[in-house]
Structures are given as structure tokens and as C-alpha cells.
C-alpha atoms as a PDB file:
ATOM      1  CA  MET A   1       8.759 -16.864   5.898  1.00  0.00           C
ATOM      2  CA  GLY A   2      12.121 -18.606   6.235  1.00  0.00           C
ATOM      3  CA  LEU A   3      13.340 -16.681   3.200  1.00  0.00           C
ATOM      4  CA  MET A   4      13.217 -13.396   5.074  1.00  0.00           C
ATOM      5  CA  TYR A   5      15.771 -11.725   7.304  1.00  0.00           C
ATOM      6  CA  PRO A   6      15.547 -12.401  11.052  1.00  0.00           C
ATOM      7  CA  GLU A   7      13.151 -10.460  13.224  1.00  0.00           C
ATOM      8  CA  THR A   8      14.474  -7.115  14.341  1.00  0.00           C
ATOM      9  CA  GLU A   9      13.231  -4.448  16.735  1.00  0.00           C
ATOM     10  CA  PRO A  10      13.259  -0.659  16.258  1.00  0.00           C
ATOM     11  CA  TYR A  11      16.076   1.262  17.890  1.00  0.00           C
ATOM     12  CA  ASP A  12      14.178   4.540  17.460  1.00  0.00           C
ATOM     13  CA  GLN A  13      10.486   5.379  17.115  1.00  0.00           C
ATOM     14  CA  GLY A  14       7.989   8.113  17.801  1.00  0.00           C
ATOM     15  CA  LEU A  15       4.926  10.087  16.767  1.00  0.00           C
ATOM     16  CA  LEU A  16       5.619  12.976  14.394  1.00  0.00           C
ATOM     17  CA  ASP A  17       3.216  15.911  14.327  1.00  0.00           C
ATOM     18  CA  VAL A  18       2.457  16.397  10.629  1.00  0.00           C
ATOM     19  CA  GLY A  19      -0.218  19.039  11.104  1.00  0.00           C
ATOM     20  CA  ASP A  20      -4.000  18.963  10.629  1.00  0.00           C
ATOM     21  CA  GLY A  21      -4.287  17.303  14.044  1.00  0.00           C
ATOM     22  CA  ASN A  22      -2.445  14.184  12.849  1.00  0.00           C
ATOM     23  CA  ARG A  23       0.525  12.456  14.447  1.00  0.00           C
ATOM     24  CA  VAL A  24       2.202   9.785  12.356  1.00  0.00           C
ATOM     25  CA  TYR A  25       3.907   6.787  13.928  1.00  0.00           C
ATOM     26  CA  TRP A  26       7.415   6.082  12.605  1.00  0.00           C
ATOM     27  CA  GLU A  27      10.172   3.647  13.506  1.00  0.00           C
ATOM     28  CA  VAL A  28      13.738   2.904  12.464  1.00  0.00           C
ATOM     29  CA  CYS A  29      15.519  -0.424  12.700  1.00  0.00           C
ATOM     30  CA  GLY A  30      18.591  -2.116  11.246  1.00  0.00           C
ATOM     31  CA  ASN A  31      21.954  -0.375  10.970  1.00  0.00           C
ATOM     32  CA  PRO A  32      21.929   3.265  12.179  1.00  0.00           C
ATOM     33  CA  TYR A  33      24.748   3.949   9.702  1.00  0.00           C
ATOM     34  CA  GLY A  34      23.322   1.841   6.900  1.00  0.00           C
ATOM     35  CA  LYS A  35      21.733   2.794   3.614  1.00  0.00           C
ATOM     36  CA  PRO A  36      18.358   4.507   4.212  1.00  0.00           C
ATOM     37  CA  VAL A  37      15.226   2.841   2.843  1.00  0.00           C
ATOM     38  CA  VAL A  38      11.593   3.816   3.459  1.00  0.00           C
ATOM     39  CA  PHE A  39       8.823   1.215   3.375  1.00  0.00           C
ATOM     40  CA  LEU A  40       5.410   2.388   2.151  1.00  0.00           C
ATOM     41  CA  HIS A  41       2.580   0.082   3.205  1.00  0.00           C
ATOM     42  CA  GLY A  42      -0.494  -0.797   1.209  1.00  0.00           C
ATOM     43  CA  GLY A  43      -4.165  -0.143   1.588  1.00  0.00           C
ATOM     44  CA  PRO A  44      -4.314   2.791   1.911  1.00  0.00           C
ATOM     45  CA  GLY A  45      -5.068   2.153   5.544  1.00  0.00           C
ATOM     46  CA  GLY A  46      -3.263  -1.169   5.937  1.00  0.00           C
ATOM     47  CA  GLY A  47      -0.528  -0.038   8.320  1.00  0.00           C
ATOM     48  CA  CYS A  48       2.893  -1.589   8.874  1.00  0.00           C
ATOM     49  CA  ALA A  49       3.672  -4.893  10.578  1.00  0.00           C
ATOM     50  CA  PRO A  50       6.896  -6.230  12.128  1.00  0.00           C
ATOM     51  CA  VAL A  51       7.232  -8.691   9.240  1.00  0.00           C
ATOM     52  CA  HIS A  52       7.803  -5.793   6.837  1.00  0.00           C
ATOM     53  CA  ARG A  53      11.116  -5.030   8.537  1.00  0.00           C
ATOM     54  CA  ARG A  54      12.374  -8.422   7.417  1.00  0.00           C
ATOM     55  CA  LEU A  55      12.463  -7.498   3.719  1.00  0.00           C
ATOM     56  CA  PHE A  56      15.784  -5.720   4.232  1.00  0.00           C
ATOM     57  CA  ASP A  57      19.223  -6.804   5.418  1.00  0.00           C
ATOM     58  CA  PRO A  58      19.422  -5.193   8.893  1.00  0.00           C
ATOM     59  CA  ALA A  59      23.223  -5.146   8.735  1.00  0.00           C
ATOM     60  CA  ALA A  60      23.171  -3.059   5.556  1.00  0.00           C
ATOM     61  CA  TYR A  61      20.051  -0.916   5.728  1.00  0.00           C
ATOM     62  CA  ARG A  62      18.701   1.844   7.952  1.00  0.00           C
ATOM     63  CA  ILE A  63      15.068   0.753   7.661  1.00  0.00           C
ATOM     64  CA  VAL A  64      12.330   3.375   8.079  1.00  0.00           C
ATOM     65  CA  LEU A  65       8.691   2.336   8.396  1.00  0.00           C
ATOM     66  CA  PHE A  66       5.655   4.453   9.229  1.00  0.00           C
ATOM     67  CA  ASP A  67       1.893   4.124   9.532  1.00  0.00           C
ATOM     68  CA  GLN A  68       0.142   6.498   7.178  1.00  0.00           C
ATOM     69  CA  ARG A  69      -2.479   8.932   8.477  1.00  0.00           C
ATOM     70  CA  GLY A  70      -5.452   7.396  10.227  1.00  0.00           C
ATOM     71  CA  CYS A  71      -4.231   3.804  10.523  1.00  0.00           C
ATOM     72  CA  GLY A  72      -1.929   1.529  12.496  1.00  0.00           C
ATOM     73  CA  ARG A  73      -0.400   3.373  15.424  1.00  0.00           C
ATOM     74  CA  SER A  74      -0.918   6.850  13.962  1.00  0.00           C
ATOM     75  CA  VAL A  75      -3.482   9.099  15.606  1.00  0.00           C
ATOM     76  CA  PRO A  76      -6.302   9.905  15.338  1.00  0.00           C
ATOM     77  CA  HIS A  77      -7.392   6.482  14.083  1.00  0.00           C
ATOM     78  CA  ALA A  78      -9.970   6.279  11.286  1.00  0.00           C
ATOM     79  CA  ALA A  79     -11.973   3.682  13.227  1.00  0.00           C
ATOM     80  CA  GLU A  80     -12.799   6.251  15.913  1.00  0.00           C
ATOM     81  CA  PRO A  81     -16.288   7.821  15.962  1.00  0.00           C
ATOM     82  CA  GLY A  82     -16.451  10.985  13.915  1.00  0.00           C
ATOM     83  CA  ALA A  83     -13.119  10.328  12.178  1.00  0.00           C
ATOM     84  CA  ASP A  84     -12.345  13.163   9.769  1.00  0.00           C
ATOM     85  CA  LEU A  85     -10.443  12.180   6.626  1.00  0.00           C
ATOM     86  CA  GLY A  86     -10.478  15.639   5.084  1.00  0.00           C
ATOM     87  CA  ALA A  87      -6.718  16.050   5.596  1.00  0.00           C
ATOM     88  CA  ASN A  88      -5.890  12.531   4.418  1.00  0.00           C
ATOM     89  CA  THR A  89      -4.993  12.611   0.711  1.00  0.00           C
ATOM     90  CA  THR A  90      -2.201  11.357  -1.511  1.00  0.00           C
ATOM     91  CA  TRP A  91      -0.514  14.742  -1.364  1.00  0.00           C
ATOM     92  CA  HIS A  92      -0.737  14.968   2.414  1.00  0.00           C
ATOM     93  CA  LEU A  93       1.074  11.616   2.545  1.00  0.00           C
ATOM     94  CA  VAL A  94       3.726  12.728   0.052  1.00  0.00           C
ATOM     95  CA  ALA A  95       4.381  15.721   2.316  1.00  0.00           C
ATOM     96  CA  ASP A  96       4.478  13.422   5.370  1.00  0.00           C
ATOM     97  CA  ILE A  97       7.205  11.300   3.750  1.00  0.00           C
ATOM     98  CA  GLU A  98       9.285  14.425   3.293  1.00  0.00           C
ATOM     99  CA  ARG A  99       8.690  15.468   6.907  1.00  0.00           C
ATOM    100  CA  ILE A 100       9.875  12.074   8.119  1.00  0.00           C
ATOM    101  CA  ARG A 101      12.935  12.222   5.853  1.00  0.00           C
ATOM    102  CA  GLU A 102      13.869  15.638   7.204  1.00  0.00           C
ATOM    103  CA  HIS A 103      13.115  14.609  10.801  1.00  0.00           C
ATOM    104  CA  LEU A 104      15.546  11.704  10.459  1.00  0.00           C
ATOM    105  CA  SER A 105      18.170  13.791   8.611  1.00  0.00           C
ATOM    106  CA  VAL A 106      18.116  11.512   5.560  1.00  0.00           C
ATOM    107  CA  GLU A 107      19.475  13.072   2.376  1.00  0.00           C
ATOM    108  CA  ARG A 108      18.320  10.401  -0.112  1.00  0.00           C
ATOM    109  CA  TRP A 109      16.761   6.988   0.301  1.00  0.00           C
ATOM    110  CA  GLN A 110      15.520   3.901  -1.426  1.00  0.00           C
ATOM    111  CA  VAL A 111      11.720   3.784  -1.763  1.00  0.00           C
ATOM    112  CA  PHE A 112       9.933   0.439  -1.406  1.00  0.00           C
ATOM    113  CA  GLY A 113       6.175   0.139  -1.899  1.00  0.00           C
ATOM    114  CA  GLY A 114       3.596  -2.487  -2.764  1.00  0.00           C
ATOM    115  CA  SER A 115      -0.004  -2.146  -3.974  1.00  0.00           C
ATOM    116  CA  TRP A 116      -1.213   1.264  -2.716  1.00  0.00           C
ATOM    117  CA  GLY A 117       2.348   1.654  -1.415  1.00  0.00           C
ATOM    118  CA  ALA A 118       3.500   1.473  -5.052  1.00  0.00           C
ATOM    119  CA  THR A 119       0.995   4.217  -5.941  1.00  0.00           C
ATOM    120  CA  LEU A 120       2.309   6.413  -3.158  1.00  0.00           C
ATOM    121  CA  ALA A 121       5.918   5.595  -4.074  1.00  0.00           C
ATOM    122  CA  LEU A 122       5.310   6.750  -7.652  1.00  0.00           C
ATOM    123  CA  ALA A 123       3.592   9.949  -6.512  1.00  0.00           C
ATOM    124  CA  TYR A 124       6.431  10.697  -4.089  1.00  0.00           C
ATOM    125  CA  ALA A 125       9.251   9.890  -6.515  1.00  0.00           C
ATOM    126  CA  GLN A 126       7.698  11.885  -9.330  1.00  0.00           C
ATOM    127  CA  THR A 127       7.425  14.868  -6.957  1.00  0.00           C
ATOM    128  CA  HIS A 128      10.875  14.464  -5.347  1.00  0.00           C
ATOM    129  CA  PRO A 129      13.050  12.422  -7.765  1.00  0.00           C
ATOM    130  CA  GLU A 130      16.205  14.001  -6.350  1.00  0.00           C
ATOM    131  CA  ARG A 131      15.517  12.280  -2.995  1.00  0.00           C
ATOM    132  CA  VAL A 132      15.255   8.745  -4.407  1.00  0.00           C
ATOM    133  CA  THR A 133      18.228   6.409  -4.877  1.00  0.00           C
ATOM    134  CA  GLU A 134      16.322   3.344  -6.144  1.00  0.00           C
ATOM    135  CA  MET A 135      12.796   1.966  -6.146  1.00  0.00           C
ATOM    136  CA  VAL A 136      11.358  -1.479  -5.496  1.00  0.00           C
ATOM    137  CA  LEU A 137       7.669  -1.790  -6.372  1.00  0.00           C
ATOM    138  CA  ARG A 138       5.265  -4.709  -6.047  1.00  0.00           C
ATOM    139  CA  GLY A 139       1.732  -5.143  -7.363  1.00  0.00           C
ATOM    140  CA  VAL A 140       1.568  -1.884  -9.298  1.00  0.00           C
ATOM    141  CA  PHE A 141      -1.613   0.138  -8.843  1.00  0.00           C
ATOM    142  CA  MET A 142      -2.006   3.590 -10.388  1.00  0.00           C
ATOM    143  CA  LEU A 143      -5.592   4.399  -9.327  1.00  0.00           C
ATOM    144  CA  ARG A 144      -6.861   4.578 -12.894  1.00  0.00           C
ATOM    145  CA  ARG A 145     -10.522   4.148 -13.727  1.00  0.00           C
ATOM    146  CA  LYS A 146      -9.983   0.789 -15.410  1.00  0.00           C
ATOM    147  CA  GLU A 147      -8.165  -0.581 -12.345  1.00  0.00           C
ATOM    148  CA  LEU A 148     -10.959   0.457  -9.963  1.00  0.00           C
ATOM    149  CA  ASP A 149     -13.633  -0.757 -12.382  1.00  0.00           C
ATOM    150  CA  TRP A 150     -11.931  -4.159 -12.538  1.00  0.00           C
ATOM    151  CA  TYR A 151     -11.771  -4.720  -8.783  1.00  0.00           C
ATOM    152  CA  TYR A 152     -14.917  -2.892  -7.635  1.00  0.00           C
ATOM    153  CA  GLY A 153     -17.028  -3.033 -10.784  1.00  0.00           C
ATOM    154  CA  GLY A 154     -17.430  -6.771 -11.089  1.00  0.00           C
ATOM    155  CA  GLY A 155     -14.450  -7.883 -13.186  1.00  0.00           C
ATOM    156  CA  ALA A 156     -12.620  -9.644 -10.371  1.00  0.00           C
ATOM    157  CA  GLY A 157     -15.995 -10.901  -9.172  1.00  0.00           C
ATOM    158  CA  PHE A 158     -16.111 -13.206 -12.218  1.00  0.00           C
ATOM    159  CA  LEU A 159     -13.297 -15.163 -10.549  1.00  0.00           C
ATOM    160  CA  PHE A 160     -14.644 -14.981  -6.983  1.00  0.00           C
ATOM    161  CA  PRO A 161     -18.444 -14.929  -7.389  1.00  0.00           C
ATOM    162  CA  GLU A 162     -19.162 -16.258  -3.899  1.00  0.00           C
ATOM    163  CA  ARG A 163     -17.007 -13.528  -2.360  1.00  0.00           C
ATOM    164  CA  TRP A 164     -18.285 -10.791  -4.660  1.00  0.00           C
ATOM    165  CA  GLU A 165     -21.881 -11.652  -3.812  1.00  0.00           C
ATOM    166  CA  ARG A 166     -21.197 -10.731  -0.186  1.00  0.00           C
ATOM    167  CA  VAL A 167     -19.889  -7.327  -1.272  1.00  0.00           C
ATOM    168  CA  THR A 168     -22.760  -6.515  -3.611  1.00  0.00           C
ATOM    169  CA  ALA A 169     -25.386  -7.657  -1.095  1.00  0.00           C
ATOM    170  CA  LEU A 170     -24.863  -4.269   0.567  1.00  0.00           C
ATOM    171  CA  ALA A 171     -24.707  -2.382  -2.747  1.00  0.00           C
ATOM    172  CA  PRO A 172     -27.506  -3.795  -4.898  1.00  0.00           C
ATOM    173  CA  ASP A 173     -27.442  -0.689  -7.099  1.00  0.00           C
ATOM    174  CA  GLY A 174     -24.009  -1.779  -8.414  1.00  0.00           C
ATOM    175  CA  ASP A 175     -22.226   1.380  -7.231  1.00  0.00           C
ATOM    176  CA  VAL A 176     -19.954  -0.371  -4.742  1.00  0.00           C
ATOM    177  CA  ILE A 177     -17.583   2.518  -4.036  1.00  0.00           C
ATOM    178  CA  GLY A 178     -20.345   5.132  -3.772  1.00  0.00           C
ATOM    179  CA  THR A 179     -22.735   3.051  -1.699  1.00  0.00           C
ATOM    180  CA  TYR A 180     -20.043   1.875   0.696  1.00  0.00           C
ATOM    181  CA  ALA A 181     -18.956   5.494   1.216  1.00  0.00           C
ATOM    182  CA  ARG A 182     -22.375   6.157   2.712  1.00  0.00           C
ATOM    183  CA  LEU A 183     -22.471   2.946   4.751  1.00  0.00           C
ATOM    184  CA  LEU A 184     -18.953   3.291   6.162  1.00  0.00           C
ATOM    185  CA  ASN A 185     -19.628   6.814   7.362  1.00  0.00           C
ATOM    186  CA  ASP A 186     -22.983   6.056   8.935  1.00  0.00           C
ATOM    187  CA  PRO A 187     -22.686   6.754  12.708  1.00  0.00           C
ATOM    188  CA  ASP A 188     -24.555   3.551  13.589  1.00  0.00           C
ATOM    189  CA  PRO A 189     -22.156   0.626  14.278  1.00  0.00           C
ATOM    190  CA  ALA A 190     -24.869  -1.754  13.085  1.00  0.00           C
ATOM    191  CA  VAL A 191     -24.468  -0.137   9.667  1.00  0.00           C
ATOM    192  CA  HIS A 192     -20.791   0.723   9.354  1.00  0.00           C
ATOM    193  CA  GLU A 193     -19.259  -2.389  10.945  1.00  0.00           C
ATOM    194  CA  PRO A 194     -20.807  -4.992   8.586  1.00  0.00           C
ATOM    195  CA  ALA A 195     -19.928  -2.765   5.629  1.00  0.00           C
ATOM    196  CA  ALA A 196     -16.333  -2.421   6.803  1.00  0.00           C
ATOM    197  CA  VAL A 197     -15.927  -6.166   7.275  1.00  0.00           C
ATOM    198  CA  ALA A 198     -17.477  -6.925   3.864  1.00  0.00           C
ATOM    199  CA  TRP A 199     -15.190  -4.410   2.125  1.00  0.00           C
ATOM    200  CA  SER A 200     -12.066  -5.550   3.956  1.00  0.00           C
ATOM    201  CA  VAL A 201     -12.690  -9.301   3.661  1.00  0.00           C
ATOM    202  CA  TRP A 202     -13.157  -8.970  -0.112  1.00  0.00           C
ATOM    203  CA  GLU A 203      -9.531  -7.877  -0.288  1.00  0.00           C
ATOM    204  CA  GLY A 204      -8.242 -10.330   2.321  1.00  0.00           C
ATOM    205  CA  ALA A 205      -9.795 -13.230   0.428  1.00  0.00           C
ATOM    206  CA  THR A 206      -8.488 -12.268  -3.018  1.00  0.00           C
ATOM    207  CA  VAL A 207      -4.929 -11.028  -2.445  1.00  0.00           C
ATOM    208  CA  THR A 208      -3.326 -14.475  -2.435  1.00  0.00           C
ATOM    209  CA  LEU A 209      -3.190 -17.105  -5.151  1.00  0.00           C
ATOM    210  CA  LEU A 210      -4.733 -19.592  -2.712  1.00  0.00           C
ATOM    211  CA  GLU A 211      -7.033 -18.226  -0.026  1.00  0.00           C
ATOM    212  CA  ARG A 212      -5.545 -18.126   3.484  1.00  0.00           C
ATOM    213  CA  PRO A 213      -8.169 -18.409   6.244  1.00  0.00           C
ATOM    214  CA  GLU A 214      -5.935 -16.707   8.813  1.00  0.00           C
ATOM    215  CA  LEU A 215      -5.469 -13.708   6.513  1.00  0.00           C
ATOM    216  CA  VAL A 216      -9.202 -13.418   5.893  1.00  0.00           C
ATOM    217  CA  GLU A 217      -9.737 -13.538   9.641  1.00  0.00           C
ATOM    218  CA  ALA A 218      -7.219 -10.730  10.187  1.00  0.00           C
ATOM    219  CA  PHE A 219      -8.975  -8.535   7.608  1.00  0.00           C
ATOM    220  CA  ALA A 220     -12.295  -9.197   9.372  1.00  0.00           C
ATOM    221  CA  ARG A 221     -11.276  -7.712  12.740  1.00  0.00           C
ATOM    222  CA  PRO A 222     -13.705  -4.810  13.188  1.00  0.00           C
ATOM    223  CA  ARG A 223     -11.276  -2.053  14.251  1.00  0.00           C
ATOM    224  CA  TYR A 224      -8.779  -2.906  11.512  1.00  0.00           C
ATOM    225  CA  ALA A 225     -11.534  -3.365   8.918  1.00  0.00           C
ATOM    226  CA  LEU A 226     -13.196  -0.049   9.732  1.00  0.00           C
ATOM    227  CA  ALA A 227     -10.049   2.054   9.344  1.00  0.00           C
ATOM    228  CA  PHE A 228      -8.936   0.068   6.303  1.00  0.00           C
ATOM    229  CA  ALA A 229     -12.305   0.323   4.539  1.00  0.00           C
ATOM    230  CA  ARG A 230     -12.944   3.976   5.402  1.00  0.00           C
ATOM    231  CA  ILE A 231      -9.523   5.160   4.236  1.00  0.00           C
ATOM    232  CA  GLU A 232      -9.431   2.963   1.137  1.00  0.00           C
ATOM    233  CA  ASN A 233     -12.938   3.947   0.072  1.00  0.00           C
ATOM    234  CA  HIS A 234     -12.124   7.627   0.697  1.00  0.00           C
ATOM    235  CA  TYR A 235      -9.095   7.420  -1.597  1.00  0.00           C
ATOM    236  CA  PHE A 236     -10.826   5.440  -4.315  1.00  0.00           C
ATOM    237  CA  ARG A 237     -13.899   7.685  -4.323  1.00  0.00           C
ATOM    238  CA  HIS A 238     -11.615  10.666  -4.966  1.00  0.00           C
ATOM    239  CA  ARG A 239      -9.397   8.785  -7.456  1.00  0.00           C
ATOM    240  CA  GLY A 240      -6.420   9.485  -5.244  1.00  0.00           C
ATOM    241  CA  TRP A 241      -6.602  13.218  -6.057  1.00  0.00           C
ATOM    242  CA  LEU A 242      -4.780  12.299  -9.261  1.00  0.00           C
ATOM    243  CA  GLU A 243      -5.576  13.181 -12.851  1.00  0.00           C
ATOM    244  CA  GLU A 244      -6.636  10.131 -14.837  1.00  0.00           C
ATOM    245  CA  GLY A 245      -3.452   8.307 -15.876  1.00  0.00           C
ATOM    246  CA  GLN A 246      -1.187  10.854 -14.158  1.00  0.00           C
ATOM    247  CA  LEU A 247       1.320   8.420 -12.670  1.00  0.00           C
ATOM    248  CA  LEU A 248       1.787   6.619 -15.974  1.00  0.00           C
ATOM    249  CA  ARG A 249       1.926   9.879 -17.920  1.00  0.00           C
ATOM    250  CA  ASP A 250       4.690  11.228 -15.676  1.00  0.00           C
ATOM    251  CA  ALA A 251       6.787   8.041 -15.575  1.00  0.00           C
ATOM    252  CA  GLY A 252       9.483   9.828 -17.575  1.00  0.00           C
ATOM    253  CA  ARG A 253      10.306  11.864 -14.462  1.00  0.00           C
ATOM    254  CA  LEU A 254      11.756   8.654 -12.991  1.00  0.00           C
ATOM    255  CA  ALA A 255      14.309   8.133 -15.763  1.00  0.00           C
ATOM    256  CA  GLY A 256      17.704   7.373 -14.242  1.00  0.00           C
ATOM    257  CA  ILE A 257      16.310   5.936 -11.001  1.00  0.00           C
ATOM    258  CA  PRO A 258      17.173   2.207 -10.858  1.00  0.00           C
ATOM    259  CA  ALA A 259      13.974   0.230 -10.285  1.00  0.00           C
ATOM    260  CA  VAL A 260      12.695  -3.313  -9.952  1.00  0.00           C
ATOM    261  CA  ILE A 261       8.964  -3.952 -10.440  1.00  0.00           C
ATOM    262  CA  VAL A 262       7.760  -7.300  -9.066  1.00  0.00           C
ATOM    263  CA  GLN A 263       4.385  -8.544 -10.279  1.00  0.00           C
ATOM    264  CA  GLY A 264       2.440 -11.730  -9.616  1.00  0.00           C
ATOM    265  CA  ARG A 265       1.110 -13.205 -12.853  1.00  0.00           C
ATOM    266  CA  TYR A 266      -2.234 -14.087 -11.243  1.00  0.00           C
ATOM    267  CA  ASP A 267      -2.641 -10.906  -9.220  1.00  0.00           C
ATOM    268  CA  VAL A 268      -6.403 -10.280  -9.159  1.00  0.00           C
ATOM    269  CA  THR A 269      -6.213  -7.161  -7.013  1.00  0.00           C
ATOM    270  CA  THR A 270      -3.815  -5.224  -9.262  1.00  0.00           C
ATOM    271  CA  PRO A 271      -3.605  -7.120 -12.573  1.00  0.00           C
ATOM    272  CA  ALA A 272      -0.304  -7.343 -14.426  1.00  0.00           C
ATOM    273  CA  VAL A 273      -1.308  -4.908 -17.164  1.00  0.00           C
ATOM    274  CA  SER A 274      -0.484  -1.954 -14.911  1.00  0.00           C
ATOM    275  CA  ALA A 275       3.027  -3.194 -14.104  1.00  0.00           C
ATOM    276  CA  TRP A 276       3.583  -3.879 -17.808  1.00  0.00           C
ATOM    277  CA  GLU A 277       2.417  -0.424 -18.892  1.00  0.00           C
ATOM    278  CA  LEU A 278       4.517   1.277 -16.216  1.00  0.00           C
ATOM    279  CA  HIS A 279       7.583  -0.724 -17.188  1.00  0.00           C
ATOM    280  CA  ARG A 280       7.107   0.205 -20.850  1.00  0.00           C
ATOM    281  CA  ALA A 281       6.853   3.896 -19.951  1.00  0.00           C
ATOM    282  CA  TRP A 282       9.765   3.942 -17.468  1.00  0.00           C
ATOM    283  CA  PRO A 283      13.206   3.962 -19.059  1.00  0.00           C
ATOM    284  CA  GLY A 284      15.600   1.644 -17.244  1.00  0.00           C
ATOM    285  CA  SER A 285      13.029  -0.148 -15.087  1.00  0.00           C
ATOM    286  CA  GLU A 286      13.183  -3.927 -14.716  1.00  0.00           C
ATOM    287  CA  LEU A 287      10.001  -6.018 -14.597  1.00  0.00           C
ATOM    288  CA  VAL A 288       9.994  -9.386 -12.816  1.00  0.00           C
ATOM    289  CA  VAL A 289       6.793 -11.378 -13.375  1.00  0.00           C
ATOM    290  CA  VAL A 290       6.354 -14.175 -10.838  1.00  0.00           C
ATOM    291  CA  PRO A 291       4.573 -17.038 -12.618  1.00  0.00           C
ATOM    292  CA  ASP A 292       2.886 -18.645  -9.600  1.00  0.00           C
ATOM    293  CA  ALA A 293       1.822 -15.699  -7.438  1.00  0.00           C
ATOM    294  CA  GLY A 294      -1.128 -13.448  -6.720  1.00  0.00           C
ATOM    295  CA  HIS A 295      -0.953 -10.042  -5.068  1.00  0.00           C
ATOM    296  CA  ALA A 296       0.495 -10.643  -1.593  1.00  0.00           C
ATOM    297  CA  PHE A 297       4.110  -9.724  -0.887  1.00  0.00           C
ATOM    298  CA  ASP A 298       4.885 -12.902   1.057  1.00  0.00           C
ATOM    299  CA  GLU A 299       4.030 -15.531  -1.538  1.00  0.00           C
ATOM    300  CA  PRO A 300       7.278 -17.462  -2.062  1.00  0.00           C
ATOM    301  CA  GLY A 301       8.144 -16.389  -5.609  1.00  0.00           C
ATOM    302  CA  THR A 302       7.288 -12.762  -4.956  1.00  0.00           C
ATOM    303  CA  LEU A 303       9.201 -12.755  -1.705  1.00  0.00           C
ATOM    304  CA  ARG A 304      12.308 -14.164  -3.380  1.00  0.00           C
ATOM    305  CA  ALA A 305      12.140 -11.476  -6.076  1.00  0.00           C
ATOM    306  CA  LEU A 306      11.699  -8.667  -3.540  1.00  0.00           C
ATOM    307  CA  LEU A 307      14.592  -9.870  -1.405  1.00  0.00           C
ATOM    308  CA  ALA A 308      16.779 -10.215  -4.487  1.00  0.00           C
ATOM    309  CA  ALA A 309      15.986  -6.592  -5.351  1.00  0.00           C
ATOM    310  CA  THR A 310      16.720  -5.164  -1.899  1.00  0.00           C
ATOM    311  CA  ASP A 311      19.896  -7.279  -1.714  1.00  0.00           C
ATOM    312  CA  ARG A 312      21.016  -5.999  -5.105  1.00  0.00           C
ATOM    313  CA  PHE A 313      20.659  -2.399  -3.960  1.00  0.00           C
ATOM    314  CA  ARG A 314      22.567  -2.930  -0.705  1.00  0.00           C
ATOM    315  CA  PRO A 315      25.664  -0.780  -0.263  1.00  0.00           C
END
């Protein structure tokens, strides 16, 4: 982590009422007069962490982070009994980003997103291209059928059979997304907690080139795992409320927005084909393939490429 900028604390933060009974946690750190950038976390349901602030030069950037609906410090939390995700969709989150931008009186900003955050960044920028100065994306995921089939249909399980076996033990019918939807929403903790941990640990164990025990342990914490799994499963079951291939189809809307796409060569979670296809469809985008990285943002080669991108776009 020595590559990153020093730790920094928010100088402003709060809970923004975004409607539907949801209040979204937001924070701002760095230079109050700096260039605005918004960080979109992964998952969906992963939440932000203090380490994410360190991807940006605090002397140059006004850094905005927020926890998307139902996770992190936003309320209500998806791990709570009876959590209702009916008003938690891609398009609710796109609207939330705009509410935060307006609340903070930001005219235009850089958009940074990795994994699901890249999905959300594309949906937001294609809806509001006039609000985006540049984009930095990592681990591109566009919620297409072939991407979900790869990760939850057994493809990635060919590489991690011992991990995949633990996932499919709870879904012997082979319908992992559908079966887990039922398990995760069962009111009995003896049913939904093991399912949440199994779903979450599958991701924690496969996002890095070499497995990190401490990361797997973090993904296994029941409250985190339950919100993460419930929200992620909810989004994947509904295909992100996107038409098949929509984000790739509409990539032309991003023409003229400077962009760097960073992709780990051995990313099992979101394989490189998606970053390649997006780059080919997006005029002016730059693709950086990191030869010795998986999916995680903080693997050394990926981290260097992300920092180089945010440094390049500094004022």
C-alpha cells in the first residue's frame, strides 16, 4: 500500500435523504477547492473504505465517496431483518449520484469505478455525459449474460473447484443465482447466514491473483456478507435492470470523454474480454492490461496503473 497517497480524513460528511426511505452516507476529503472526483465502489453492496480515499492526490482533488443504498453506513442496511430492496436498482443509484452532485454543488466531475463500480459508472456517464470530465475504470463488468454465466455458472469454478464446490453445495440444482435468492431472503438466520457467507467468500477468495486469507476472512463476516450477498444477488437476478448488452451498445455516448480502463490479465471475476470489447467500442479510450494481476484494485500493478491515471487527470 506504500504506492498510495497518505491517509486522509473527511472534512465533510452526512446522510442524504434520497427518497424511498433511504439515506445515503457520503463524505468529502482532500482539497475543498480541488478537482471533483466521485468514487463508485464495487459489489454492488461492497461499500467504501478509508483506503479508497488514497487513490487520489488530496492536494489536487476534492474526493467524494458514498455508500450505495443498503450497504456500508447507508440506512436502512440490507443485513437488517425484513430488508426491502425494491427501491435499490441501477437507476435509483444513477439518480442518487446526481442528487449527491447537486447537494455538493459540483458542476462536473471525474468518475472512478471498479468492478460493479465500473458498471454503475458506465450507466451514469451514458445517462449524464455532460457531467463527466474523465473516467477511470477497473475490472470492467457490464452485467451481460455471458459474464454472469462465467462467474456463477461454473466457468470460473474450473479454476477454483474447491471453492466452487462450497457454493454449489447449497445450490445442487445448478441455478446458483436463483437458488441463493431464495436462501438469502429466508427469514431464518440458520438459512440465510450460511448462504450469505458462501456467496461472499466465493468472491473474496477469487478476486486476487493469489488468495489472501485476511481478505477471505473480511468477506466472511456475517453482517457484511449478508448485505453484500443480498444486494449483489438482487442485482444479478434482475440483470441490473439493463437490456442485454446495453452498456456496450451505448458506448458511443461516451465519445470525447477521456478514459483509462485498467484490467488485470488474470482477472477471474470480470475477465479481460469485457474491458477489451468496451475499449474497442469506445472512441478515445485507453486500455491498460496489467500482466500479473487479478481483479482487486490494490494488487501492485493495478494500483500503479490506477494512480498513474488519476495523476494524469489532476488539474
